[in-house]
Amino acid sequence: MCRTSLARVDRAPFIPDMFGVTTADDYKPVTWVGRYPVDVTTILIAVHAVTMVLGTILIAMGRGSLVDALLFDSAQVLRAGHFWQIVTYAFVHQPDLWFAIGLLMLFFFGREVEKFIGRRAFITLYASLLILPTLVLTLWGLSGRVLYGDSSAVHFGIFIAFAAIYPGVELLFRIQAKWIALVFGAISTLQLLAANAWPHLLVFLLSVGYALIFIRARGIGPELEWLTNLKSKFQPKPKFQVVPRSSPRRVVEPEDVHQSIDPLLEKISKSGINSLTANERRALDRARNELLKKSQ
């Protein structure tokens, strides 16, 4: 699906992944089934698949009311205390093509996000995408009844997180992830606007916005030059500026890309990838890009 990989780094005891390296336990699978790793993403896919099958069987047996009780209904949450609906709404599925596409997105992109940010951070991201929208819909329900049941926004939020981490990765037809995210996001927004599906539009925009903020707040992803320039325009400028005397300086480039990232890899090995600063993450991204160019 994705057309890139990170070159092997032999100088440190790391396990190479598709886009990064895993070190601490937080960056390793939850368990193994034979040779196959089982991570949080795999468990989520299994849960969604099992609930879809069980829900279909209940509906076929004439017990559809049990399935309906899992959908989000702001009136039932506020008046009857059905608080489980804030979470269970995303596990009610129709056995159709869109359900399969959603699980494929979670499988291909969720695993890479989990490998990069770690298991705990990924659980936090997924749980937030799951709960935050329905909490907002619950408040909306104070002015009118709101019904909702769909997991597509959650899984698209995971894809947005992937695109924020790896915007330049080429996916289908060699189109970069950032452009696919932009096009699909714009099309989905226009479709929901045309259908006047306001609750769905709110959930979709919340999922996209939160996923972006979550990733960027952790200092992950390439530096946004336009954002830096925009901030500099609004910052107060000093009246006097001391210009230091320029002196010729010889910049020594490392002969080996591995040499430049060895200290960063050692830091990851000791404290995990979340211990890196924003500048160190950008240096790691630049080194990764250089390795990718050499391997192509």
C-alpha atoms as a PDB file:
ATOM      1  CA  MET A   1       0.000   0.000   0.000  1.00  0.00           C
ATOM      2  CA  CYS A   2       2.726   2.451   0.952  1.00  0.00           C
ATOM      3  CA  ARG A   3       5.725   2.971  -1.283  1.00  0.00           C
ATOM      4  CA  THR A   4       8.554   3.582   1.174  1.00  0.00           C
ATOM      5  CA  SER A   5      10.594   1.981   3.914  1.00  0.00           C
ATOM      6  CA  LEU A   6      13.276   2.994   6.363  1.00  0.00           C
ATOM      7  CA  ALA A   7      16.742   1.608   5.804  1.00  0.00           C
ATOM      8  CA  ARG A   8      18.138  -0.740   8.428  1.00  0.00           C
ATOM      9  CA  VAL A   9      20.258   0.828  11.137  1.00  0.00           C
ATOM     10  CA  ASP A  10      22.829  -1.717  12.318  1.00  0.00           C
ATOM     11  CA  ARG A  11      24.567   0.460  14.867  1.00  0.00           C
ATOM     12  CA  ALA A  12      21.952   0.125  17.594  1.00  0.00           C
ATOM     13  CA  PRO A  13      19.826  -2.769  18.902  1.00  0.00           C
ATOM     14  CA  PHE A  14      16.582  -1.811  17.191  1.00  0.00           C
ATOM     15  CA  ILE A  15      13.887  -3.785  15.412  1.00  0.00           C
ATOM     16  CA  PRO A  16      13.192  -2.149  12.017  1.00  0.00           C
ATOM     17  CA  ASP A  17       9.614  -1.288  11.107  1.00  0.00           C
ATOM     18  CA  MET A  18       7.936  -0.023   7.973  1.00  0.00           C
ATOM     19  CA  PHE A  19       8.500   3.635   8.769  1.00  0.00           C
ATOM     20  CA  GLY A  20      10.402   3.716  12.062  1.00  0.00           C
ATOM     21  CA  VAL A  21      12.134   1.733  14.748  1.00  0.00           C
ATOM     22  CA  THR A  22      10.657   0.159  17.863  1.00  0.00           C
ATOM     23  CA  THR A  23      12.597   0.049  21.101  1.00  0.00           C
ATOM     24  CA  ALA A  24      10.760   0.253  24.405  1.00  0.00           C
ATOM     25  CA  ASP A  25       7.930  -2.091  25.367  1.00  0.00           C
ATOM     26  CA  ASP A  26       5.459   0.664  24.488  1.00  0.00           C
ATOM     27  CA  TYR A  27       6.539   0.297  20.854  1.00  0.00           C
ATOM     28  CA  LYS A  28       6.289  -3.492  20.703  1.00  0.00           C
ATOM     29  CA  PRO A  29       3.261  -5.711  19.959  1.00  0.00           C
ATOM     30  CA  VAL A  30       0.894  -6.566  22.768  1.00  0.00           C
ATOM     31  CA  THR A  31       1.475 -10.257  22.130  1.00  0.00           C
ATOM     32  CA  TRP A  32       2.380 -12.729  19.396  1.00  0.00           C
ATOM     33  CA  VAL A  33       0.354 -15.479  17.726  1.00  0.00           C
ATOM     34  CA  GLY A  34       3.054 -17.705  16.361  1.00  0.00           C
ATOM     35  CA  ARG A  35       5.181 -15.431  14.176  1.00  0.00           C
ATOM     36  CA  TYR A  36       2.480 -12.818  13.775  1.00  0.00           C
ATOM     37  CA  PRO A  37       2.504  -9.736  16.033  1.00  0.00           C
ATOM     38  CA  VAL A  38      -0.745  -8.684  17.670  1.00  0.00           C
ATOM     39  CA  ASP A  39      -0.871  -4.950  18.387  1.00  0.00           C
ATOM     40  CA  VAL A  40      -3.649  -2.679  19.625  1.00  0.00           C
ATOM     41  CA  THR A  41      -4.747  -2.006  16.051  1.00  0.00           C
ATOM     42  CA  THR A  42      -5.142  -5.727  15.369  1.00  0.00           C
ATOM     43  CA  ILE A  43      -7.253  -6.129  18.505  1.00  0.00           C
ATOM     44  CA  LEU A  44      -9.473  -3.207  17.478  1.00  0.00           C
ATOM     45  CA  ILE A  45     -10.001  -4.708  14.025  1.00  0.00           C
ATOM     46  CA  ALA A  46     -10.978  -8.034  15.601  1.00  0.00           C
ATOM     47  CA  VAL A  47     -13.438  -6.314  17.963  1.00  0.00           C
ATOM     48  CA  HIS A  48     -15.082  -4.386  15.118  1.00  0.00           C
ATOM     49  CA  ALA A  49     -15.346  -7.548  12.994  1.00  0.00           C
ATOM     50  CA  VAL A  50     -16.818  -9.649  15.826  1.00  0.00           C
ATOM     51  CA  THR A  51     -19.391  -7.001  16.793  1.00  0.00           C
ATOM     52  CA  MET A  52     -20.454  -6.691  13.148  1.00  0.00           C
ATOM     53  CA  VAL A  53     -21.046 -10.451  12.924  1.00  0.00           C
ATOM     54  CA  LEU A  54     -22.872 -10.604  16.259  1.00  0.00           C
ATOM     55  CA  GLY A  55     -25.022  -7.601  15.378  1.00  0.00           C
ATOM     56  CA  THR A  56     -25.977  -9.141  12.030  1.00  0.00           C
ATOM     57  CA  ILE A  57     -26.935 -12.403  13.734  1.00  0.00           C
ATOM     58  CA  LEU A  58     -29.080 -10.585  16.327  1.00  0.00           C
ATOM     59  CA  ILE A  59     -30.899  -8.651  13.612  1.00  0.00           C
ATOM     60  CA  ALA A  60     -31.504 -11.861  11.653  1.00  0.00           C
ATOM     61  CA  MET A  61     -32.969 -13.448  14.802  1.00  0.00           C
ATOM     62  CA  GLY A  62     -35.356 -10.533  15.281  1.00  0.00           C
ATOM     63  CA  ARG A  63     -33.380  -9.032  18.160  1.00  0.00           C
ATOM     64  CA  GLY A  64     -32.554  -5.782  16.397  1.00  0.00           C
ATOM     65  CA  SER A  65     -33.678  -3.792  19.443  1.00  0.00           C
ATOM     66  CA  LEU A  66     -30.575  -4.997  21.270  1.00  0.00           C
ATOM     67  CA  VAL A  67     -28.410  -3.578  18.513  1.00  0.00           C
ATOM     68  CA  ASP A  68     -30.341  -0.306  18.451  1.00  0.00           C
ATOM     69  CA  ALA A  69     -29.682   0.072  22.178  1.00  0.00           C
ATOM     70  CA  LEU A  70     -25.980   0.444  21.369  1.00  0.00           C
ATOM     71  CA  LEU A  71     -26.439   3.383  18.971  1.00  0.00           C
ATOM     72  CA  PHE A  72     -25.929   6.896  20.303  1.00  0.00           C
ATOM     73  CA  ASP A  73     -29.166   8.636  21.249  1.00  0.00           C
ATOM     74  CA  SER A  74     -28.697  11.893  23.125  1.00  0.00           C
ATOM     75  CA  ALA A  75     -32.170  11.627  24.669  1.00  0.00           C
ATOM     76  CA  GLN A  76     -31.428   8.213  26.157  1.00  0.00           C
ATOM     77  CA  VAL A  77     -27.983   9.324  27.350  1.00  0.00           C
ATOM     78  CA  LEU A  78     -29.315  12.439  29.067  1.00  0.00           C
ATOM     79  CA  ARG A  79     -32.636  11.124  30.397  1.00  0.00           C
ATOM     80  CA  ALA A  80     -32.179   7.374  30.836  1.00  0.00           C
ATOM     81  CA  GLY A  81     -28.473   7.305  31.676  1.00  0.00           C
ATOM     82  CA  HIS A  82     -27.435   5.089  28.760  1.00  0.00           C
ATOM     83  CA  PHE A  83     -23.864   6.352  28.978  1.00  0.00           C
ATOM     84  CA  TRP A  84     -22.444   3.275  27.269  1.00  0.00           C
ATOM     85  CA  GLN A  85     -23.822   4.641  23.991  1.00  0.00           C
ATOM     86  CA  ILE A  86     -21.066   7.283  24.024  1.00  0.00           C
ATOM     87  CA  VAL A  87     -18.680   4.429  23.133  1.00  0.00           C
ATOM     88  CA  THR A  88     -20.739   1.558  21.707  1.00  0.00           C
ATOM     89  CA  TYR A  89     -22.140   3.572  18.787  1.00  0.00           C
ATOM     90  CA  ALA A  90     -18.893   2.993  16.846  1.00  0.00           C
ATOM     91  CA  PHE A  91     -19.193  -0.808  17.114  1.00  0.00           C
ATOM     92  CA  VAL A  92     -22.569  -1.086  15.383  1.00  0.00           C
ATOM     93  CA  HIS A  93     -21.893  -1.957  11.745  1.00  0.00           C
ATOM     94  CA  GLN A  94     -23.662  -2.946   8.585  1.00  0.00           C
ATOM     95  CA  PRO A  95     -21.917  -5.761   6.665  1.00  0.00           C
ATOM     96  CA  ASP A  96     -21.165  -3.681   3.583  1.00  0.00           C
ATOM     97  CA  LEU A  97     -18.264  -2.393   1.500  1.00  0.00           C
ATOM     98  CA  TRP A  98     -17.767   0.772   3.564  1.00  0.00           C
ATOM     99  CA  PHE A  99     -17.286  -1.293   6.691  1.00  0.00           C
ATOM    100  CA  ALA A 100     -14.522  -3.264   4.942  1.00  0.00           C
ATOM    101  CA  ILE A 101     -12.888  -0.057   3.685  1.00  0.00           C
ATOM    102  CA  GLY A 102     -12.904   1.377   7.213  1.00  0.00           C
ATOM    103  CA  LEU A 103     -11.165  -1.700   8.608  1.00  0.00           C
ATOM    104  CA  LEU A 104      -8.617  -1.620   5.789  1.00  0.00           C
ATOM    105  CA  MET A 105      -7.804   2.014   6.622  1.00  0.00           C
ATOM    106  CA  LEU A 106      -7.418   1.072  10.274  1.00  0.00           C
ATOM    107  CA  PHE A 107      -5.203  -1.906   9.380  1.00  0.00           C
ATOM    108  CA  PHE A 108      -2.831  -0.123   6.992  1.00  0.00           C
ATOM    109  CA  PHE A 109      -2.571   3.246   8.720  1.00  0.00           C
ATOM    110  CA  GLY A 110      -3.430   2.510  12.339  1.00  0.00           C
ATOM    111  CA  ARG A 111      -0.529   0.096  12.711  1.00  0.00           C
ATOM    112  CA  GLU A 112       1.975   2.659  11.431  1.00  0.00           C
ATOM    113  CA  VAL A 113       0.609   5.381  13.712  1.00  0.00           C
ATOM    114  CA  GLU A 114       0.778   2.997  16.663  1.00  0.00           C
ATOM    115  CA  LYS A 115       4.361   2.019  15.830  1.00  0.00           C
ATOM    116  CA  PHE A 116       5.437   5.661  15.617  1.00  0.00           C
ATOM    117  CA  ILE A 117       3.726   7.225  18.646  1.00  0.00           C
ATOM    118  CA  GLY A 118       3.630   4.135  20.863  1.00  0.00           C
ATOM    119  CA  ARG A 119       0.898   1.944  22.273  1.00  0.00           C
ATOM    120  CA  ARG A 120      -0.260   4.225  25.083  1.00  0.00           C
ATOM    121  CA  ALA A 121      -0.428   7.320  22.918  1.00  0.00           C
ATOM    122  CA  PHE A 122      -2.296   5.397  20.228  1.00  0.00           C
ATOM    123  CA  ILE A 123      -4.874   4.170  22.740  1.00  0.00           C
ATOM    124  CA  THR A 124      -5.305   7.755  23.935  1.00  0.00           C
ATOM    125  CA  LEU A 125      -5.755   8.974  20.362  1.00  0.00           C
ATOM    126  CA  TYR A 126      -8.276   6.275  19.452  1.00  0.00           C
ATOM    127  CA  ALA A 127     -10.250   6.669  22.697  1.00  0.00           C
ATOM    128  CA  SER A 128     -10.379  10.437  22.223  1.00  0.00           C
ATOM    129  CA  LEU A 129     -11.603  10.093  18.627  1.00  0.00           C
ATOM    130  CA  LEU A 130     -14.208   7.668  19.928  1.00  0.00           C
ATOM    131  CA  ILE A 131     -15.521   9.652  22.897  1.00  0.00           C
ATOM    132  CA  LEU A 132     -14.940  13.354  22.190  1.00  0.00           C
ATOM    133  CA  PRO A 133     -17.472  13.678  19.317  1.00  0.00           C
ATOM    134  CA  THR A 134     -20.315  11.993  21.204  1.00  0.00           C
ATOM    135  CA  LEU A 135     -19.628  14.094  24.294  1.00  0.00           C
ATOM    136  CA  VAL A 136     -20.141  17.159  22.106  1.00  0.00           C
ATOM    137  CA  LEU A 137     -23.266  15.581  20.589  1.00  0.00           C
ATOM    138  CA  THR A 138     -24.556  14.968  24.119  1.00  0.00           C
ATOM    139  CA  LEU A 139     -24.317  18.697  24.816  1.00  0.00           C
ATOM    140  CA  TRP A 140     -25.973  19.358  21.470  1.00  0.00           C
ATOM    141  CA  GLY A 141     -28.756  17.045  22.592  1.00  0.00           C
ATOM    142  CA  LEU A 142     -29.768  19.552  25.249  1.00  0.00           C
ATOM    143  CA  SER A 143     -31.425  21.576  22.478  1.00  0.00           C
ATOM    144  CA  GLY A 144     -32.773  18.648  20.462  1.00  0.00           C
ATOM    145  CA  ARG A 145     -32.520  14.896  20.044  1.00  0.00           C
ATOM    146  CA  VAL A 146     -29.416  13.672  18.203  1.00  0.00           C
ATOM    147  CA  LEU A 147     -28.953  10.158  16.790  1.00  0.00           C
ATOM    148  CA  TYR A 148     -25.594   8.856  15.617  1.00  0.00           C
ATOM    149  CA  GLY A 149     -23.950   5.538  14.814  1.00  0.00           C
ATOM    150  CA  ASP A 150     -20.870   5.341  12.613  1.00  0.00           C
ATOM    151  CA  SER A 151     -17.149   4.601  13.013  1.00  0.00           C
ATOM    152  CA  SER A 152     -15.957   6.052   9.688  1.00  0.00           C
ATOM    153  CA  ALA A 153     -14.972   9.402  11.255  1.00  0.00           C
ATOM    154  CA  VAL A 154     -12.865   7.613  13.881  1.00  0.00           C
ATOM    155  CA  HIS A 155     -10.977   5.636  11.274  1.00  0.00           C
ATOM    156  CA  PHE A 156     -10.562   8.624   8.988  1.00  0.00           C
ATOM    157  CA  GLY A 157      -9.085  10.458  11.969  1.00  0.00           C
ATOM    158  CA  ILE A 158      -6.487   7.691  12.244  1.00  0.00           C
ATOM    159  CA  PHE A 159      -5.646   8.202   8.565  1.00  0.00           C
ATOM    160  CA  ILE A 160      -5.303  11.962   9.191  1.00  0.00           C
ATOM    161  CA  ALA A 161      -2.848  11.174  11.995  1.00  0.00           C
ATOM    162  CA  PHE A 162      -0.870   9.000   9.566  1.00  0.00           C
ATOM    163  CA  ALA A 163      -0.857  11.755   6.934  1.00  0.00           C
ATOM    164  CA  ALA A 164       0.322  14.271   9.550  1.00  0.00           C
ATOM    165  CA  ILE A 165       3.253  12.016  10.456  1.00  0.00           C
ATOM    166  CA  TYR A 166       4.157  10.979   6.902  1.00  0.00           C
ATOM    167  CA  PRO A 167       2.727  13.653   4.566  1.00  0.00           C
ATOM    168  CA  GLY A 168       5.136  12.829   1.748  1.00  0.00           C
ATOM    169  CA  VAL A 169       4.548   9.074   1.650  1.00  0.00           C
ATOM    170  CA  GLU A 170       3.257   7.966  -1.746  1.00  0.00           C
ATOM    171  CA  LEU A 171       0.138   5.830  -1.604  1.00  0.00           C
ATOM    172  CA  LEU A 172      -2.266   4.735  -4.346  1.00  0.00           C
ATOM    173  CA  PHE A 173      -1.233   5.936  -7.835  1.00  0.00           C
ATOM    174  CA  ARG A 174       1.873   7.502  -6.210  1.00  0.00           C
ATOM    175  CA  ILE A 175      -0.181  10.325  -4.708  1.00  0.00           C
ATOM    176  CA  GLN A 176       1.218  11.716  -1.467  1.00  0.00           C
ATOM    177  CA  ALA A 177      -0.709  11.055   1.727  1.00  0.00           C
ATOM    178  CA  LYS A 178      -1.272  14.753   2.473  1.00  0.00           C
ATOM    179  CA  TRP A 179      -3.076  15.295  -0.838  1.00  0.00           C
ATOM    180  CA  ILE A 180      -5.225  12.199  -0.426  1.00  0.00           C
ATOM    181  CA  ALA A 181      -6.208  13.384   3.055  1.00  0.00           C
ATOM    182  CA  LEU A 182      -7.028  16.851   1.712  1.00  0.00           C
ATOM    183  CA  VAL A 183      -9.119  15.587  -1.222  1.00  0.00           C
ATOM    184  CA  PHE A 184     -11.049  12.971   0.767  1.00  0.00           C
ATOM    185  CA  GLY A 185     -11.594  15.419   3.607  1.00  0.00           C
ATOM    186  CA  ALA A 186     -12.949  18.092   1.253  1.00  0.00           C
ATOM    187  CA  ILE A 187     -15.227  15.636  -0.588  1.00  0.00           C
ATOM    188  CA  SER A 188     -16.630  14.227   2.657  1.00  0.00           C
ATOM    189  CA  THR A 189     -17.260  17.709   4.020  1.00  0.00           C
ATOM    190  CA  LEU A 190     -19.125  18.765   0.859  1.00  0.00           C
ATOM    191  CA  GLN A 191     -21.214  15.573   0.873  1.00  0.00           C
ATOM    192  CA  LEU A 192     -22.283  16.115   4.476  1.00  0.00           C
ATOM    193  CA  LEU A 193     -23.046  19.761   3.786  1.00  0.00           C
ATOM    194  CA  ALA A 194     -25.202  18.865   0.788  1.00  0.00           C
ATOM    195  CA  ALA A 195     -27.086  16.277   2.869  1.00  0.00           C
ATOM    196  CA  ASN A 196     -27.558  18.705   5.786  1.00  0.00           C
ATOM    197  CA  ALA A 197     -26.114  15.974   8.012  1.00  0.00           C
ATOM    198  CA  TRP A 198     -25.006  18.397  10.705  1.00  0.00           C
ATOM    199  CA  PRO A 199     -24.239  15.892  13.490  1.00  0.00           C
ATOM    200  CA  HIS A 200     -22.161  13.785  11.081  1.00  0.00           C
ATOM    201  CA  LEU A 201     -20.375  16.896   9.812  1.00  0.00           C
ATOM    202  CA  LEU A 202     -19.567  18.002  13.356  1.00  0.00           C
ATOM    203  CA  VAL A 203     -18.193  14.561  14.250  1.00  0.00           C
ATOM    204  CA  PHE A 204     -16.139  14.456  11.041  1.00  0.00           C
ATOM    205  CA  LEU A 205     -14.577  17.891  11.554  1.00  0.00           C
ATOM    206  CA  LEU A 206     -13.898  17.188  15.230  1.00  0.00           C
ATOM    207  CA  SER A 207     -12.148  13.921  14.342  1.00  0.00           C
ATOM    208  CA  VAL A 208      -9.986  15.529  11.668  1.00  0.00           C
ATOM    209  CA  GLY A 209      -9.102  18.541  13.812  1.00  0.00           C
ATOM    210  CA  TYR A 210      -8.330  16.527  16.929  1.00  0.00           C
ATOM    211  CA  ALA A 211      -6.124  14.035  15.063  1.00  0.00           C
ATOM    212  CA  LEU A 212      -4.078  16.880  13.573  1.00  0.00           C
ATOM    213  CA  ILE A 213      -3.742  18.691  16.893  1.00  0.00           C
ATOM    214  CA  PHE A 214      -2.824  15.475  18.725  1.00  0.00           C
ATOM    215  CA  ILE A 215       0.020  14.687  16.342  1.00  0.00           C
ATOM    216  CA  ARG A 216       1.327  18.237  15.990  1.00  0.00           C
ATOM    217  CA  ALA A 217       1.174  18.840  19.765  1.00  0.00           C
ATOM    218  CA  ARG A 218       3.636  15.992  20.219  1.00  0.00           C
ATOM    219  CA  GLY A 219       6.123  17.705  17.892  1.00  0.00           C
ATOM    220  CA  ILE A 220       5.657  15.031  15.225  1.00  0.00           C
ATOM    221  CA  GLY A 221       5.772  15.611  11.498  1.00  0.00           C
ATOM    222  CA  PRO A 222       7.709  17.967   9.236  1.00  0.00           C
ATOM    223  CA  GLU A 223       8.127  21.594  10.188  1.00  0.00           C
ATOM    224  CA  LEU A 224       5.383  23.826   8.810  1.00  0.00           C
ATOM    225  CA  GLU A 225       7.275  26.785   7.383  1.00  0.00           C
ATOM    226  CA  TRP A 226       4.125  28.747   6.566  1.00  0.00           C
ATOM    227  CA  LEU A 227       2.975  28.441  10.188  1.00  0.00           C
ATOM    228  CA  THR A 228       6.362  29.582  11.475  1.00  0.00           C
ATOM    229  CA  ASN A 229       6.308  32.562   9.121  1.00  0.00           C
ATOM    230  CA  LEU A 230       2.751  33.429  10.163  1.00  0.00           C
ATOM    231  CA  LYS A 231       3.711  33.385  13.840  1.00  0.00           C
ATOM    232  CA  SER A 232       6.728  35.597  13.203  1.00  0.00           C
ATOM    233  CA  LYS A 233       4.525  38.247  11.578  1.00  0.00           C
ATOM    234  CA  PHE A 234       2.470  38.672  14.747  1.00  0.00           C
ATOM    235  CA  GLN A 235       5.385  38.596  17.170  1.00  0.00           C
ATOM    236  CA  PRO A 236       6.609  42.013  18.412  1.00  0.00           C
ATOM    237  CA  LYS A 237       9.786  43.089  16.703  1.00  0.00           C
ATOM    238  CA  PRO A 238      12.618  44.715  18.701  1.00  0.00           C
ATOM    239  CA  LYS A 239      13.342  48.369  17.996  1.00  0.00           C
ATOM    240  CA  PHE A 240      17.069  47.769  17.829  1.00  0.00           C
ATOM    241  CA  GLN A 241      18.696  44.711  16.412  1.00  0.00           C
ATOM    242  CA  VAL A 242      22.313  43.781  16.983  1.00  0.00           C
ATOM    243  CA  VAL A 243      23.771  42.089  13.946  1.00  0.00           C
ATOM    244  CA  PRO A 244      26.748  39.882  14.848  1.00  0.00           C
ATOM    245  CA  ARG A 245      29.803  40.051  12.668  1.00  0.00           C
ATOM    246  CA  SER A 246      29.654  37.316  10.111  1.00  0.00           C
ATOM    247  CA  SER A 247      32.657  35.073   9.856  1.00  0.00           C
ATOM    248  CA  PRO A 248      33.290  32.327   7.359  1.00  0.00           C
ATOM    249  CA  ARG A 249      32.419  29.037   8.865  1.00  0.00           C
ATOM    250  CA  ARG A 250      33.102  25.657   7.463  1.00  0.00           C
ATOM    251  CA  VAL A 251      30.179  23.336   7.832  1.00  0.00           C
ATOM    252  CA  VAL A 252      31.207  19.741   8.196  1.00  0.00           C
ATOM    253  CA  GLU A 253      28.576  17.354   6.914  1.00  0.00           C
ATOM    254  CA  PRO A 254      28.644  13.862   8.375  1.00  0.00           C
ATOM    255  CA  GLU A 255      29.975  11.301   5.949  1.00  0.00           C
ATOM    256  CA  ASP A 256      27.414   8.764   7.062  1.00  0.00           C
ATOM    257  CA  VAL A 257      23.732   9.531   7.710  1.00  0.00           C
ATOM    258  CA  HIS A 258      23.766   6.883  10.426  1.00  0.00           C
ATOM    259  CA  GLN A 259      26.388   8.900  12.327  1.00  0.00           C
ATOM    260  CA  SER A 260      24.100  11.925  12.518  1.00  0.00           C
ATOM    261  CA  ILE A 261      21.209  10.001  14.029  1.00  0.00           C
ATOM    262  CA  ASP A 262      23.099   7.614  16.314  1.00  0.00           C
ATOM    263  CA  PRO A 263      22.684   9.915  19.366  1.00  0.00           C
ATOM    264  CA  LEU A 264      18.966  10.200  18.634  1.00  0.00           C
ATOM    265  CA  LEU A 265      18.575   6.446  18.298  1.00  0.00           C
ATOM    266  CA  GLU A 266      20.403   5.897  21.579  1.00  0.00           C
ATOM    267  CA  LYS A 267      18.068   8.377  23.257  1.00  0.00           C
ATOM    268  CA  ILE A 268      15.056   6.542  21.824  1.00  0.00           C
ATOM    269  CA  SER A 269      16.480   3.241  23.063  1.00  0.00           C
ATOM    270  CA  LYS A 270      16.797   4.564  26.622  1.00  0.00           C
ATOM    271  CA  SER A 271      13.721   6.786  26.967  1.00  0.00           C
ATOM    272  CA  GLY A 272      11.423   6.045  24.026  1.00  0.00           C
ATOM    273  CA  ILE A 273      10.620   8.154  20.975  1.00  0.00           C
ATOM    274  CA  ASN A 274       8.412  10.515  22.986  1.00  0.00           C
ATOM    275  CA  SER A 275      11.540  11.797  24.763  1.00  0.00           C
ATOM    276  CA  LEU A 276      12.749  13.492  21.566  1.00  0.00           C
ATOM    277  CA  THR A 277      12.307  17.236  21.251  1.00  0.00           C
ATOM    278  CA  ALA A 278      10.632  18.815  18.234  1.00  0.00           C
ATOM    279  CA  ASN A 279      14.032  19.692  16.726  1.00  0.00           C
ATOM    280  CA  GLU A 280      15.313  16.157  17.292  1.00  0.00           C
ATOM    281  CA  ARG A 281      12.217  14.697  15.619  1.00  0.00           C
ATOM    282  CA  ARG A 282      12.758  16.944  12.614  1.00  0.00           C
ATOM    283  CA  ALA A 283      16.408  15.855  12.440  1.00  0.00           C
ATOM    284  CA  LEU A 284      15.286  12.213  12.538  1.00  0.00           C
ATOM    285  CA  ASP A 285      12.727  12.894   9.785  1.00  0.00           C
ATOM    286  CA  ARG A 286      15.375  14.562   7.611  1.00  0.00           C
ATOM    287  CA  ALA A 287      17.753  11.633   8.083  1.00  0.00           C
ATOM    288  CA  ARG A 288      14.955   9.213   7.239  1.00  0.00           C
ATOM    289  CA  ASN A 289      14.193  11.135   4.048  1.00  0.00           C
ATOM    290  CA  GLU A 290      17.870  11.008   3.023  1.00  0.00           C
ATOM    291  CA  LEU A 291      17.913   7.255   3.568  1.00  0.00           C
ATOM    292  CA  LEU A 292      14.758   6.907   1.513  1.00  0.00           C
ATOM    293  CA  LYS A 293      16.277   8.868  -1.367  1.00  0.00           C
ATOM    294  CA  LYS A 294      19.391   6.683  -1.341  1.00  0.00           C
ATOM    295  CA  SER A 295      17.342   3.488  -1.305  1.00  0.00           C
ATOM    296  CA  GLN A 296      15.221   4.520  -4.322  1.00  0.00           C
END
